Amino acid sequence: MANGRPPWRVVLDHAERGIGVPLETIVRSEPYFDAVALGTRVRRGTTTQLERLTRRCLHLCNLPAGSDIRRLNDQMARMERRVVSMSKQLESEGRLVHDRVAA
């Protein structure tokens, strides 16, 4: 055992250094960042096109797409906020009327 470490650990550390140093050099290089940026753009474009195609297919079958569901959820949230606001307003006005009648 070297320095109290088991032999398998010594071999593993040596292999990690042999692989890790070149990988770190690659990951910190300009071409790597260019490749990552290109990959991100390609993935985003592919995802957009696929979502567009899926939405069309669903609409042809008269089914809602994810964007339709999101839009409905947003509308429901707005309506819920309005109802809560109106309920609070009516409640406060009801208290005022009740206080005036009681006085």
PDB file of N, CA and C in Angstrom:
ATOM      1  N   MET A   1       0.840  -1.184   0.000  1.00  0.00           N
ATOM      2  CA  MET A   1       0.000   0.000   0.000  1.00  0.00           C
ATOM      3  C   MET A   1       0.882   1.244   0.000  1.00  0.00           C
ATOM      4  N   ALA A   2       0.651   2.098  -0.959  1.00  0.00           N
ATOM      5  CA  ALA A   2       1.403   3.347  -1.051  1.00  0.00           C
ATOM      6  C   ALA A   2       0.702   4.405  -0.220  1.00  0.00           C
ATOM      7  N   ASN A   3       1.422   4.941   0.758  1.00  0.00           N
ATOM      8  CA  ASN A   3       0.881   5.985   1.635  1.00  0.00           C
ATOM      9  C   ASN A   3      -0.404   5.540   2.331  1.00  0.00           C
ATOM     10  N   GLY A   4      -0.546   4.269   2.629  1.00  0.00           N
ATOM     11  CA  GLY A   4      -1.725   3.785   3.329  1.00  0.00           C
ATOM     12  C   GLY A   4      -2.942   3.626   2.441  1.00  0.00           C
ATOM     13  N   ARG A   5      -2.772   3.827   1.136  1.00  0.00           N
ATOM     14  CA  ARG A   5      -3.901   3.675   0.225  1.00  0.00           C
ATOM     15  C   ARG A   5      -3.872   2.274  -0.383  1.00  0.00           C
ATOM     16  N   PRO A   6      -5.033   1.680  -0.586  1.00  0.00           N
ATOM     17  CA  PRO A   6      -5.061   0.350  -1.211  1.00  0.00           C
ATOM     18  C   PRO A   6      -4.588   0.429  -2.663  1.00  0.00           C
ATOM     19  N   PRO A   7      -4.078  -0.660  -3.201  1.00  0.00           N
ATOM     20  CA  PRO A   7      -3.549  -0.655  -4.572  1.00  0.00           C
ATOM     21  C   PRO A   7      -4.577  -0.226  -5.617  1.00  0.00           C
ATOM     22  N   TRP A   8      -5.828  -0.640  -5.435  1.00  0.00           N
ATOM     23  CA  TRP A   8      -6.844  -0.262  -6.413  1.00  0.00           C
ATOM     24  C   TRP A   8      -7.029   1.250  -6.462  1.00  0.00           C
ATOM     25  N   ARG A   9      -6.868   1.896  -5.317  1.00  0.00           N
ATOM     26  CA  ARG A   9      -7.029   3.346  -5.257  1.00  0.00           C
ATOM     27  C   ARG A   9      -5.874   4.044  -5.976  1.00  0.00           C
ATOM     28  N   VAL A  10      -4.659   3.522  -5.832  1.00  0.00           N
ATOM     29  CA  VAL A  10      -3.488   4.082  -6.508  1.00  0.00           C
ATOM     30  C   VAL A  10      -3.687   4.001  -8.018  1.00  0.00           C
ATOM     31  N   VAL A  11      -4.150   2.833  -8.499  1.00  0.00           N
ATOM     32  CA  VAL A  11      -4.392   2.647  -9.934  1.00  0.00           C
ATOM     33  C   VAL A  11      -5.493   3.601 -10.398  1.00  0.00           C
ATOM     34  N   LEU A  12      -6.555   3.713  -9.620  1.00  0.00           N
ATOM     35  CA  LEU A  12      -7.672   4.592  -9.979  1.00  0.00           C
ATOM     36  C   LEU A  12      -7.233   6.053 -10.040  1.00  0.00           C
ATOM     37  N   ASP A  13      -6.466   6.513  -9.064  1.00  0.00           N
ATOM     38  CA  ASP A  13      -5.978   7.892  -9.059  1.00  0.00           C
ATOM     39  C   ASP A  13      -5.081   8.162 -10.261  1.00  0.00           C
ATOM     40  N   HIS A  14      -4.212   7.218 -10.593  1.00  0.00           N
ATOM     41  CA  HIS A  14      -3.322   7.372 -11.747  1.00  0.00           C
ATOM     42  C   HIS A  14      -4.136   7.467 -13.046  1.00  0.00           C
ATOM     43  N   ALA A  15      -5.139   6.607 -13.193  1.00  0.00           N
ATOM     44  CA  ALA A  15      -5.990   6.628 -14.394  1.00  0.00           C
ATOM     45  C   ALA A  15      -6.773   7.932 -14.464  1.00  0.00           C
ATOM     46  N   GLU A  16      -7.259   8.396 -13.329  1.00  0.00           N
ATOM     47  CA  GLU A  16      -8.037   9.638 -13.299  1.00  0.00           C
ATOM     48  C   GLU A  16      -7.181  10.817 -13.737  1.00  0.00           C
ATOM     49  N   ARG A  17      -5.946  10.865 -13.282  1.00  0.00           N
ATOM     50  CA  ARG A  17      -5.047  11.952 -13.691  1.00  0.00           C
ATOM     51  C   ARG A  17      -4.752  11.857 -15.180  1.00  0.00           C
ATOM     52  N   GLY A  18      -4.579  10.650 -15.671  1.00  0.00           N
ATOM     53  CA  GLY A  18      -4.285  10.462 -17.092  1.00  0.00           C
ATOM     54  C   GLY A  18      -5.432  10.863 -17.992  1.00  0.00           C
ATOM     55  N   ILE A  19      -6.642  10.671 -17.518  1.00  0.00           N
ATOM     56  CA  ILE A  19      -7.829  11.033 -18.318  1.00  0.00           C
ATOM     57  C   ILE A  19      -8.288  12.449 -18.000  1.00  0.00           C
ATOM     58  N   GLY A  20      -8.254  12.818 -16.741  1.00  0.00           N
ATOM     59  CA  GLY A  20      -8.805  14.093 -16.290  1.00  0.00           C
ATOM     60  C   GLY A  20      -8.087  15.315 -16.827  1.00  0.00           C
ATOM     61  N   VAL A  21      -6.768  15.294 -16.855  1.00  0.00           N
ATOM     62  CA  VAL A  21      -6.001  16.462 -17.311  1.00  0.00           C
ATOM     63  C   VAL A  21      -6.302  16.787 -18.777  1.00  0.00           C
ATOM     64  N   PRO A  22      -6.243  15.811 -19.701  1.00  0.00           N
ATOM     65  CA  PRO A  22      -6.589  16.133 -21.088  1.00  0.00           C
ATOM     66  C   PRO A  22      -8.045  16.589 -21.249  1.00  0.00           C
ATOM     67  N   LEU A  23      -8.963  15.973 -20.489  1.00  0.00           N
ATOM     68  CA  LEU A  23     -10.370  16.388 -20.579  1.00  0.00           C
ATOM     69  C   LEU A  23     -10.546  17.832 -20.110  1.00  0.00           C
ATOM     70  N   GLU A  24      -9.897  18.211 -19.041  1.00  0.00           N
ATOM     71  CA  GLU A  24      -9.991  19.590 -18.563  1.00  0.00           C
ATOM     72  C   GLU A  24      -9.462  20.560 -19.610  1.00  0.00           C
ATOM     73  N   THR A  25      -8.392  20.191 -20.289  1.00  0.00           N
ATOM     74  CA  THR A  25      -7.836  21.041 -21.345  1.00  0.00           C
ATOM     75  C   THR A  25      -8.843  21.220 -22.467  1.00  0.00           C
ATOM     76  N   ILE A  26      -9.500  20.134 -22.859  1.00  0.00           N
ATOM     77  CA  ILE A  26     -10.494  20.205 -23.933  1.00  0.00           C
ATOM     78  C   ILE A  26     -11.682  21.052 -23.506  1.00  0.00           C
ATOM     79  N   VAL A  27     -12.178  20.822 -22.308  1.00  0.00           N
ATOM     80  CA  VAL A  27     -13.378  21.514 -21.830  1.00  0.00           C
ATOM     81  C   VAL A  27     -13.146  23.014 -21.674  1.00  0.00           C
ATOM     82  N   ARG A  28     -11.929  23.429 -21.463  1.00  0.00           N
ATOM     83  CA  ARG A  28     -11.631  24.854 -21.301  1.00  0.00           C
ATOM     84  C   ARG A  28     -11.217  25.525 -22.607  1.00  0.00           C
ATOM     85  N   SER A  29     -11.299  24.803 -23.711  1.00  0.00           N
ATOM     86  CA  SER A  29     -10.847  25.362 -24.992  1.00  0.00           C
ATOM     87  C   SER A  29     -11.964  26.114 -25.701  1.00  0.00           C
ATOM     88  N   GLU A  30     -11.568  27.010 -26.588  1.00  0.00           N
ATOM     89  CA  GLU A  30     -12.522  27.808 -27.369  1.00  0.00           C
ATOM     90  C   GLU A  30     -13.378  26.932 -28.291  1.00  0.00           C
ATOM     91  N   PRO A  31     -12.802  25.960 -29.001  1.00  0.00           N
ATOM     92  CA  PRO A  31     -13.637  25.105 -29.863  1.00  0.00           C
ATOM     93  C   PRO A  31     -14.726  24.350 -29.084  1.00  0.00           C
ATOM     94  N   TYR A  32     -14.422  23.982 -27.840  1.00  0.00           N
ATOM     95  CA  TYR A  32     -15.423  23.292 -27.033  1.00  0.00           C
ATOM     96  C   TYR A  32     -16.622  24.215 -26.783  1.00  0.00           C
ATOM     97  N   PHE A  33     -16.362  25.469 -26.413  1.00  0.00           N
ATOM     98  CA  PHE A  33     -17.452  26.410 -26.160  1.00  0.00           C
ATOM     99  C   PHE A  33     -18.239  26.679 -27.432  1.00  0.00           C
ATOM    100  N   ASP A  34     -17.551  26.759 -28.577  1.00  0.00           N
ATOM    101  CA  ASP A  34     -18.238  26.936 -29.846  1.00  0.00           C
ATOM    102  C   ASP A  34     -19.149  25.745 -30.137  1.00  0.00           C
ATOM    103  N   ALA A  35     -18.649  24.543 -29.881  1.00  0.00           N
ATOM    104  CA  ALA A  35     -19.442  23.330 -30.127  1.00  0.00           C
ATOM    105  C   ALA A  35     -20.661  23.275 -29.207  1.00  0.00           C
ATOM    106  N   VAL A  36     -20.483  23.658 -27.959  1.00  0.00           N
ATOM    107  CA  VAL A  36     -21.609  23.667 -27.019  1.00  0.00           C
ATOM    108  C   VAL A  36     -22.651  24.687 -27.458  1.00  0.00           C
ATOM    109  N   ALA A  37     -22.217  25.869 -27.871  1.00  0.00           N
ATOM    110  CA  ALA A  37     -23.155  26.894 -28.337  1.00  0.00           C
ATOM    111  C   ALA A  37     -23.912  26.420 -29.574  1.00  0.00           C
ATOM    112  N   LEU A  38     -23.202  25.820 -30.516  1.00  0.00           N
ATOM    113  CA  LEU A  38     -23.848  25.297 -31.719  1.00  0.00           C
ATOM    114  C   LEU A  38     -24.838  24.199 -31.362  1.00  0.00           C
ATOM    115  N   GLY A  39     -24.446  23.310 -30.490  1.00  0.00           N
ATOM    116  CA  GLY A  39     -25.346  22.235 -30.054  1.00  0.00           C
ATOM    117  C   GLY A  39     -26.604  22.779 -29.403  1.00  0.00           C
ATOM    118  N   THR A  40     -26.451  23.818 -28.600  1.00  0.00           N
ATOM    119  CA  THR A  40     -27.606  24.441 -27.943  1.00  0.00           C
ATOM    120  C   THR A  40     -28.547  25.048 -28.973  1.00  0.00           C
ATOM    121  N   ARG A  41     -27.989  25.756 -29.967  1.00  0.00           N
ATOM    122  CA  ARG A  41     -28.833  26.359 -31.005  1.00  0.00           C
ATOM    123  C   ARG A  41     -29.558  25.295 -31.822  1.00  0.00           C
ATOM    124  N   VAL A  42     -28.852  24.238 -32.169  1.00  0.00           N
ATOM    125  CA  VAL A  42     -29.471  23.160 -32.951  1.00  0.00           C
ATOM    126  C   VAL A  42     -30.586  22.498 -32.145  1.00  0.00           C
ATOM    127  N   ARG A  43     -30.326  22.225 -30.869  1.00  0.00           N
ATOM    128  CA  ARG A  43     -31.351  21.598 -30.032  1.00  0.00           C
ATOM    129  C   ARG A  43     -32.576  22.495 -29.895  1.00  0.00           C
ATOM    130  N   ARG A  44     -32.360  23.793 -29.677  1.00  0.00           N
ATOM    131  CA  ARG A  44     -33.472  24.726 -29.531  1.00  0.00           C
ATOM    132  C   ARG A  44     -34.290  24.791 -30.818  1.00  0.00           C
ATOM    133  N   GLY A  45     -33.608  24.862 -31.964  1.00  0.00           N
ATOM    134  CA  GLY A  45     -34.309  24.911 -33.246  1.00  0.00           C
ATOM    135  C   GLY A  45     -35.087  23.639 -33.510  1.00  0.00           C
ATOM    136  N   THR A  46     -34.491  22.502 -33.202  1.00  0.00           N
ATOM    137  CA  THR A  46     -35.161  21.216 -33.401  1.00  0.00           C
ATOM    138  C   THR A  46     -36.380  21.104 -32.494  1.00  0.00           C
ATOM    139  N   THR A  47     -36.229  21.515 -31.260  1.00  0.00           N
ATOM    140  CA  THR A  47     -37.342  21.468 -30.315  1.00  0.00           C
ATOM    141  C   THR A  47     -38.481  22.356 -30.788  1.00  0.00           C
ATOM    142  N   THR A  48     -38.161  23.564 -31.256  1.00  0.00           N
ATOM    143  CA  THR A  48     -39.186  24.487 -31.743  1.00  0.00           C
ATOM    144  C   THR A  48     -39.937  23.889 -32.929  1.00  0.00           C
ATOM    145  N   GLN A  49     -39.198  23.338 -33.880  1.00  0.00           N
ATOM    146  CA  GLN A  49     -39.838  22.737 -35.050  1.00  0.00           C
ATOM    147  C   GLN A  49     -40.704  21.539 -34.653  1.00  0.00           C
ATOM    148  N   LEU A  50     -40.214  20.721 -33.751  1.00  0.00           N
ATOM    149  CA  LEU A  50     -40.977  19.554 -33.317  1.00  0.00           C
ATOM    150  C   LEU A  50     -42.249  19.976 -32.586  1.00  0.00           C
ATOM    151  N   GLU A  51     -42.151  20.985 -31.729  1.00  0.00           N
ATOM    152  CA  GLU A  51     -43.342  21.481 -31.026  1.00  0.00           C
ATOM    153  C   GLU A  51     -44.352  22.039 -32.016  1.00  0.00           C
ATOM    154  N   ARG A  52     -43.879  22.759 -33.020  1.00  0.00           N
ATOM    155  CA  ARG A  52     -44.765  23.329 -34.037  1.00  0.00           C
ATOM    156  C   ARG A  52     -45.501  22.218 -34.798  1.00  0.00           C
ATOM    157  N   LEU A  53     -44.762  21.186 -35.205  1.00  0.00           N
ATOM    158  CA  LEU A  53     -45.350  20.060 -35.932  1.00  0.00           C
ATOM    159  C   LEU A  53     -46.348  19.306 -35.051  1.00  0.00           C
ATOM    160  N   THR A  54     -45.985  19.072 -33.809  1.00  0.00           N
ATOM    161  CA  THR A  54     -46.876  18.375 -32.883  1.00  0.00           C
ATOM    162  C   THR A  54     -48.160  19.167 -32.668  1.00  0.00           C
ATOM    163  N   ARG A  55     -48.027  20.478 -32.497  1.00  0.00           N
ATOM    164  CA  ARG A  55     -49.192  21.342 -32.292  1.00  0.00           C
ATOM    165  C   ARG A  55     -50.134  21.265 -33.496  1.00  0.00           C
ATOM    166  N   ARG A  56     -49.559  21.297 -34.703  1.00  0.00           N
ATOM    167  CA  ARG A  56     -50.387  21.198 -35.915  1.00  0.00           C
ATOM    168  C   ARG A  56     -51.120  19.861 -35.972  1.00  0.00           C
ATOM    169  N   CYS A  57     -50.414  18.785 -35.687  1.00  0.00           N
ATOM    170  CA  CYS A  57     -51.031  17.451 -35.722  1.00  0.00           C
ATOM    171  C   CYS A  57     -52.158  17.348 -34.693  1.00  0.00           C
ATOM    172  N   LEU A  58     -51.919  17.847 -33.498  1.00  0.00           N
ATOM    173  CA  LEU A  58     -52.959  17.805 -32.468  1.00  0.00           C
ATOM    174  C   LEU A  58     -54.164  18.639 -32.871  1.00  0.00           C
ATOM    175  N   HIS A  59     -53.942  19.815 -33.438  1.00  0.00           N
ATOM    176  CA  HIS A  59     -55.047  20.671 -33.862  1.00  0.00           C
ATOM    177  C   HIS A  59     -55.819  20.044 -35.022  1.00  0.00           C
ATOM    178  N   LEU A  60     -55.115  19.325 -35.910  1.00  0.00           N
ATOM    179  CA  LEU A  60     -55.816  18.627 -36.996  1.00  0.00           C
ATOM    180  C   LEU A  60     -56.762  17.562 -36.448  1.00  0.00           C
ATOM    181  N   CYS A  61     -56.394  16.975 -35.324  1.00  0.00           N
ATOM    182  CA  CYS A  61     -57.243  15.968 -34.673  1.00  0.00           C
ATOM    183  C   CYS A  61     -58.212  16.611 -33.682  1.00  0.00           C
ATOM    184  N   ASN A  62     -58.270  17.927 -33.699  1.00  0.00           N
ATOM    185  CA  ASN A  62     -59.143  18.696 -32.810  1.00  0.00           C
ATOM    186  C   ASN A  62     -58.838  18.426 -31.334  1.00  0.00           C
ATOM    187  N   LEU A  63     -57.538  18.320 -31.026  1.00  0.00           N
ATOM    188  CA  LEU A  63     -57.080  18.126 -29.650  1.00  0.00           C
ATOM    189  C   LEU A  63     -56.265  19.335 -29.209  1.00  0.00           C
ATOM    190  N   PRO A  64     -56.298  19.658 -27.926  1.00  0.00           N
ATOM    191  CA  PRO A  64     -55.516  20.801 -27.451  1.00  0.00           C
ATOM    192  C   PRO A  64     -54.026  20.472 -27.371  1.00  0.00           C
ATOM    193  N   ALA A  65     -53.211  21.445 -27.692  1.00  0.00           N
ATOM    194  CA  ALA A  65     -51.761  21.310 -27.567  1.00  0.00           C
ATOM    195  C   ALA A  65     -51.337  21.866 -26.207  1.00  0.00           C
ATOM    196  N   GLY A  66     -50.084  21.656 -25.865  1.00  0.00           N
ATOM    197  CA  GLY A  66     -49.572  22.162 -24.597  1.00  0.00           C
ATOM    198  C   GLY A  66     -49.707  23.669 -24.474  1.00  0.00           C
ATOM    199  N   SER A  67     -49.504  24.377 -25.578  1.00  0.00           N
ATOM    200  CA  SER A  67     -49.632  25.843 -25.553  1.00  0.00           C
ATOM    201  C   SER A  67     -51.074  26.255 -25.259  1.00  0.00           C
ATOM    202  N   ASP A  68     -52.036  25.496 -25.770  1.00  0.00           N
ATOM    203  CA  ASP A  68     -53.443  25.788 -25.489  1.00  0.00           C
ATOM    204  C   ASP A  68     -53.747  25.612 -24.007  1.00  0.00           C
ATOM    205  N   ILE A  69     -53.221  24.549 -23.429  1.00  0.00           N
ATOM    206  CA  ILE A  69     -53.432  24.276 -22.007  1.00  0.00           C
ATOM    207  C   ILE A  69     -52.784  25.362 -21.159  1.00  0.00           C
ATOM    208  N   ARG A  70     -51.567  25.776 -21.534  1.00  0.00           N
ATOM    209  CA  ARG A  70     -50.888  26.861 -20.804  1.00  0.00           C
ATOM    210  C   ARG A  70     -51.707  28.143 -20.852  1.00  0.00           C
ATOM    211  N   ARG A  71     -52.229  28.470 -22.038  1.00  0.00           N
ATOM    212  CA  ARG A  71     -53.024  29.690 -22.190  1.00  0.00           C
ATOM    213  C   ARG A  71     -54.282  29.620 -21.324  1.00  0.00           C
ATOM    214  N   LEU A  72     -54.954  28.465 -21.303  1.00  0.00           N
ATOM    215  CA  LEU A  72     -56.144  28.306 -20.461  1.00  0.00           C
ATOM    216  C   LEU A  72     -55.793  28.403 -18.977  1.00  0.00           C
ATOM    217  N   ASN A  73     -54.676  27.811 -18.581  1.00  0.00           N
ATOM    218  CA  ASN A  73     -54.247  27.910 -17.179  1.00  0.00           C
ATOM    219  C   ASN A  73     -53.975  29.354 -16.791  1.00  0.00           C
ATOM    220  N   ASP A  74     -53.359  30.121 -17.686  1.00  0.00           N
ATOM    221  CA  ASP A  74     -53.110  31.540 -17.413  1.00  0.00           C
ATOM    222  C   ASP A  74     -54.423  32.306 -17.264  1.00  0.00           C
ATOM    223  N   GLN A  75     -55.374  32.023 -18.156  1.00  0.00           N
ATOM    224  CA  GLN A  75     -56.675  32.691 -18.069  1.00  0.00           C
ATOM    225  C   GLN A  75     -57.379  32.338 -16.763  1.00  0.00           C
ATOM    226  N   MET A  76     -57.316  31.068 -16.382  1.00  0.00           N
ATOM    227  CA  MET A  76     -57.948  30.645 -15.131  1.00  0.00           C
ATOM    228  C   MET A  76     -57.297  31.331 -13.929  1.00  0.00           C
ATOM    229  N   ALA A  77     -55.988  31.457 -13.942  1.00  0.00           N
ATOM    230  CA  ALA A  77     -55.289  32.116 -12.833  1.00  0.00           C
ATOM    231  C   ALA A  77     -55.697  33.585 -12.743  1.00  0.00           C
ATOM    232  N   ARG A  78     -55.808  34.256 -13.905  1.00  0.00           N
ATOM    233  CA  ARG A  78     -56.246  35.660 -13.892  1.00  0.00           C
ATOM    234  C   ARG A  78     -57.669  35.791 -13.355  1.00  0.00           C
ATOM    235  N   MET A  79     -58.546  34.889 -13.796  1.00  0.00           N
ATOM    236  CA  MET A  79     -59.929  34.927 -13.328  1.00  0.00           C
ATOM    237  C   MET A  79     -60.004  34.654 -11.821  1.00  0.00           C
ATOM    238  N   GLU A  80     -59.208  33.734 -11.362  1.00  0.00           N
ATOM    239  CA  GLU A  80     -59.199  33.421  -9.930  1.00  0.00           C
ATOM    240  C   GLU A  80     -58.744  34.631  -9.118  1.00  0.00           C
ATOM    241  N   ARG A  81     -57.711  35.324  -9.605  1.00  0.00           N
ATOM    242  CA  ARG A  81     -57.250  36.536  -8.900  1.00  0.00           C
ATOM    243  C   ARG A  81     -58.348  37.605  -8.889  1.00  0.00           C
ATOM    244  N   ARG A  82     -59.062  37.731 -10.009  1.00  0.00           N
ATOM    245  CA  ARG A  82     -60.158  38.718 -10.062  1.00  0.00           C
ATOM    246  C   ARG A  82     -61.265  38.362  -9.089  1.00  0.00           C
ATOM    247  N   VAL A  83     -61.630  37.092  -9.027  1.00  0.00           N
ATOM    248  CA  VAL A  83     -62.692  36.654  -8.114  1.00  0.00           C
ATOM    249  C   VAL A  83     -62.285  36.914  -6.671  1.00  0.00           C
ATOM    250  N   VAL A  84     -61.049  36.604  -6.326  1.00  0.00           N
ATOM    251  CA  VAL A  84     -60.567  36.854  -4.959  1.00  0.00           C
ATOM    252  C   VAL A  84     -60.607  38.343  -4.657  1.00  0.00           C
ATOM    253  N   SER A  85     -60.153  39.162  -5.606  1.00  0.00           N
ATOM    254  CA  SER A  85     -60.158  40.610  -5.412  1.00  0.00           C
ATOM    255  C   SER A  85     -61.583  41.132  -5.240  1.00  0.00           C
ATOM    256  N   MET A  86     -62.492  40.673  -6.093  1.00  0.00           N
ATOM    257  CA  MET A  86     -63.882  41.119  -5.998  1.00  0.00           C
ATOM    258  C   MET A  86     -64.532  40.641  -4.707  1.00  0.00           C
ATOM    259  N   SER A  87     -64.181  39.420  -4.276  1.00  0.00           N
ATOM    260  CA  SER A  87     -64.728  38.893  -3.024  1.00  0.00           C
ATOM    261  C   SER A  87     -64.280  39.745  -1.848  1.00  0.00           C
ATOM    262  N   LYS A  88     -62.999  40.121  -1.852  1.00  0.00           N
ATOM    263  CA  LYS A  88     -62.496  40.984  -0.772  1.00  0.00           C
ATOM    264  C   LYS A  88     -63.189  42.331  -0.795  1.00  0.00           C
ATOM    265  N   GLN A  89     -63.385  42.869  -1.995  1.00  0.00           N
ATOM    266  CA  GLN A  89     -64.047  44.171  -2.122  1.00  0.00           C
ATOM    267  C   GLN A  89     -65.486  44.082  -1.621  1.00  0.00           C
ATOM    268  N   LEU A  90     -66.202  43.054  -2.037  1.00  0.00           N
ATOM    269  CA  LEU A  90     -67.594  42.892  -1.576  1.00  0.00           C
ATOM    270  C   LEU A  90     -67.654  42.661  -0.079  1.00  0.00           C
ATOM    271  N   GLU A  91     -66.699  41.903   0.426  1.00  0.00           N
ATOM    272  CA  GLU A  91     -66.673  41.638   1.857  1.00  0.00           C
ATOM    273  C   GLU A  91     -66.457  42.930   2.640  1.00  0.00           C
ATOM    274  N   SER A  92     -65.525  43.758   2.176  1.00  0.00           N
ATOM    275  CA  SER A  92     -65.266  45.015   2.889  1.00  0.00           C
ATOM    276  C   SER A  92     -66.461  45.961   2.755  1.00  0.00           C
ATOM    277  N   GLU A  93     -67.103  46.001   1.578  1.00  0.00           N
ATOM    278  CA  GLU A  93     -68.293  46.845   1.408  1.00  0.00           C
ATOM    279  C   GLU A  93     -69.441  46.314   2.243  1.00  0.00           C
ATOM    280  N   GLY A  94     -69.543  44.997   2.348  1.00  0.00           N
ATOM    281  CA  GLY A  94     -70.594  44.395   3.173  1.00  0.00           C
ATOM    282  C   GLY A  94     -70.417  44.749   4.628  1.00  0.00           C
ATOM    283  N   ARG A  95     -69.168  44.796   5.069  1.00  0.00           N
ATOM    284  CA  ARG A  95     -68.906  45.180   6.449  1.00  0.00           C
ATOM    285  C   ARG A  95     -69.287  46.635   6.679  1.00  0.00           C
ATOM    286  N   LEU A  96     -68.984  47.489   5.700  1.00  0.00           N
ATOM    287  CA  LEU A  96     -69.344  48.901   5.837  1.00  0.00           C
ATOM    288  C   LEU A  96     -70.856  49.046   5.927  1.00  0.00           C
ATOM    289  N   VAL A  97     -71.590  48.356   5.073  1.00  0.00           N
ATOM    290  CA  VAL A  97     -73.053  48.420   5.098  1.00  0.00           C
ATOM    291  C   VAL A  97     -73.554  47.861   6.402  1.00  0.00           C
ATOM    292  N   HIS A  98     -73.004  46.742   6.843  1.00  0.00           N
ATOM    293  CA  HIS A  98     -73.418  46.120   8.099  1.00  0.00           C
ATOM    294  C   HIS A  98     -73.124  47.053   9.281  1.00  0.00           C
ATOM    295  N   ASP A  99     -71.974  47.720   9.264  1.00  0.00           N
ATOM    296  CA  ASP A  99     -71.614  48.650  10.341  1.00  0.00           C
ATOM    297  C   ASP A  99     -72.557  49.840  10.362  1.00  0.00           C
ATOM    298  N   ARG A 100     -72.960  50.347   9.198  1.00  0.00           N
ATOM    299  CA  ARG A 100     -73.874  51.492   9.132  1.00  0.00           C
ATOM    300  C   ARG A 100     -75.252  51.113   9.630  1.00  0.00           C
ATOM    301  N   VAL A 101     -75.706  49.905   9.280  1.00  0.00           N
ATOM    302  CA  VAL A 101     -77.025  49.446   9.717  1.00  0.00           C
ATOM    303  C   VAL A 101     -77.013  49.240  11.216  1.00  0.00           C
ATOM    304  N   ALA A 102     -75.913  48.715  11.751  1.00  0.00           N
ATOM    305  CA  ALA A 102     -75.834  48.434  13.185  1.00  0.00           C
ATOM    306  C   ALA A 102     -75.747  49.730  13.979  1.00  0.00           C
ATOM    307  N   ALA A 103     -75.247  50.792  13.379  1.00  0.00           N
ATOM    308  CA  ALA A 103     -75.064  52.049  14.107  1.00  0.00           C
ATOM    309  C   ALA A 103     -76.319  52.789  14.175  1.00  0.00           C
TER     310      ALA A 103
END
